[in-house]
Amino acid sequence: MKHQQPTLRFLGATDTVTGSRYLLKAAGKRVLVDCGLFQGYKRSRERNRGPFLVPSFSAHADADGILAWMKSAEREPRMTYIIHGEPDASDALRLRIKHEPGWRARVPEHLEKISLEDPR
């Protein structure tokens, strides 16, 4: 059987949802990550308060919200990649991740290819 490289597909946001969706395919498995919150009409925003099967946050969440979500994880990832935001803000978040939960984190270069099998 031919080995297929893992893929990460950026699906974007729609309608009144901020953030984005990502589809990760690796080792014959598919995982859809929804990183958005509803905005706009009150009825839409109230959906953010409902239960989530996967903790969800907006890509526009502040660093405190992102770190609180990260600290609730059952285990540390091999690497955390900061792929959204202005360069200075991304690096500041990288440093907070390195010091607060104590995780490995980095900001990839523009158009850099990342191997999910061998994070560096």
Protein backbone atom coordinates (compact mmCIF):
# COMPACT_ATOMS: atom_id res chain seq x y z
CA MET A 1 0.00 0.00 0.00
CA LYS A 2 1.35 3.41 -0.98
CA HIS A 3 2.09 5.76 1.94
CA GLN A 4 0.17 9.02 1.66
CA GLN A 5 1.45 12.25 3.15
CA PRO A 6 -0.79 13.84 5.80
CA THR A 7 -2.79 16.79 4.51
CA LEU A 8 -4.27 19.81 6.22
CA ARG A 9 -7.02 21.54 4.28
CA PHE A 10 -8.20 25.05 5.20
CA LEU A 11 -11.96 25.22 4.65
CA GLY A 12 -12.64 28.79 5.78
CA ALA A 13 -15.53 30.35 7.65
CA THR A 14 -19.09 30.84 6.44
CA ASP A 15 -22.14 32.93 7.21
CA THR A 16 -22.04 34.35 10.76
CA VAL A 17 -19.15 32.15 11.99
CA THR A 18 -15.72 33.62 12.74
CA GLY A 19 -12.53 31.63 12.50
CA SER A 20 -12.21 28.68 10.24
CA ARG A 21 -12.42 24.94 9.77
CA TYR A 22 -9.55 22.62 9.03
CA LEU A 23 -9.67 19.05 7.75
CA LEU A 24 -6.68 16.92 8.76
CA LYS A 25 -6.15 13.62 6.93
CA ALA A 26 -3.39 11.32 8.22
CA ALA A 27 -2.85 7.58 8.62
CA GLY A 28 -6.21 6.79 7.01
CA LYS A 29 -8.10 8.99 9.51
CA ARG A 30 -9.94 12.30 9.06
CA VAL A 31 -10.41 14.95 11.77
CA LEU A 32 -12.45 18.13 11.26
CA VAL A 33 -11.38 20.94 13.59
CA ASP A 34 -13.90 23.77 13.96
CA CYS A 35 -12.26 26.93 15.31
CA GLY A 36 -15.10 29.38 15.03
CA LEU A 37 -17.70 31.15 17.12
CA PHE A 38 -21.06 32.47 16.02
CA GLN A 39 -21.43 36.23 15.84
CA GLY A 40 -24.05 38.68 14.65
CA TYR A 41 -27.63 38.11 15.73
CA LYS A 42 -28.24 37.33 19.43
CA ARG A 43 -29.82 33.98 18.52
CA SER A 44 -26.60 33.05 16.68
CA ARG A 45 -24.33 34.21 19.51
CA GLU A 46 -26.29 32.16 22.05
CA ARG A 47 -25.19 29.02 20.20
CA ASN A 48 -21.65 29.71 21.53
CA ARG A 49 -22.92 28.96 25.04
CA GLY A 50 -24.19 25.49 24.20
CA PRO A 51 -22.26 22.28 24.77
CA PHE A 52 -19.46 21.44 22.35
CA LEU A 53 -18.17 17.96 21.63
CA VAL A 54 -14.79 19.55 20.95
CA PRO A 55 -13.84 22.73 22.81
CA SER A 56 -14.25 25.53 20.31
CA PHE A 57 -12.83 29.01 20.18
CA SER A 58 -12.50 31.69 17.61
CA ALA A 59 -9.26 32.32 15.79
CA HIS A 60 -9.95 35.86 16.97
CA ALA A 61 -10.01 34.86 20.65
CA ASP A 62 -7.59 36.71 22.86
CA ALA A 63 -4.44 35.02 24.15
CA ASP A 64 -5.98 34.46 27.60
CA GLY A 65 -8.89 32.55 26.06
CA ILE A 66 -6.59 30.46 23.88
CA LEU A 67 -4.30 29.61 26.81
CA ALA A 68 -7.22 28.70 29.07
CA TRP A 69 -8.48 26.32 26.37
CA MET A 70 -5.00 24.84 25.90
CA LYS A 71 -4.53 24.25 29.64
CA SER A 72 -7.73 22.18 29.67
CA ALA A 73 -6.15 19.63 27.30
CA GLU A 74 -5.68 16.11 28.62
CA ARG A 75 -2.13 15.96 27.27
CA GLU A 76 0.48 18.17 25.69
CA PRO A 77 0.84 18.09 21.89
CA ARG A 78 4.21 17.30 20.35
CA MET A 79 4.26 20.84 18.92
CA THR A 80 1.98 23.86 18.81
CA TYR A 81 2.04 25.92 15.61
CA ILE A 82 0.79 29.52 15.67
CA ILE A 83 -0.48 30.10 12.13
CA HIS A 84 -2.73 33.15 12.47
CA GLY A 85 -2.10 36.76 13.41
CA GLU A 86 0.40 39.55 12.98
CA PRO A 87 4.06 38.48 13.40
CA ASP A 88 4.63 40.31 16.71
CA ALA A 89 1.35 39.03 18.23
CA SER A 90 2.06 35.49 17.02
CA ASP A 91 5.51 35.52 18.59
CA ALA A 92 4.14 36.93 21.85
CA LEU A 93 1.60 34.07 21.95
CA ARG A 94 4.39 31.58 21.20
CA LEU A 95 6.35 32.85 24.22
CA ARG A 96 3.29 32.64 26.48
CA ILE A 97 2.63 29.06 25.36
CA LYS A 98 6.27 28.20 26.02
CA HIS A 99 6.15 29.66 29.56
CA GLU A 100 2.58 29.16 30.85
CA PRO A 101 1.62 25.64 29.94
CA GLY A 102 5.30 24.95 29.16
CA TRP A 103 4.64 23.50 25.71
CA ARG A 104 6.78 23.50 22.59
CA ALA A 105 5.50 26.18 20.21
CA ARG A 106 6.66 27.90 17.07
CA VAL A 107 5.54 30.32 14.37
CA PRO A 108 6.24 28.79 10.93
CA GLU A 109 7.70 30.96 8.19
CA HIS A 110 5.35 32.18 5.43
CA LEU A 111 4.61 29.27 3.02
CA GLU A 112 6.74 26.87 5.11
CA LYS A 113 5.73 23.21 4.80
CA ILE A 114 5.26 21.41 8.11
CA SER A 115 5.52 17.66 8.67
CA LEU A 116 2.94 16.55 11.22
CA GLU A 117 4.81 13.26 11.58
CA ASP A 118 8.07 14.96 12.58
CA PRO A 119 7.30 18.29 14.27
CA ARG A 120 10.21 20.62 14.76
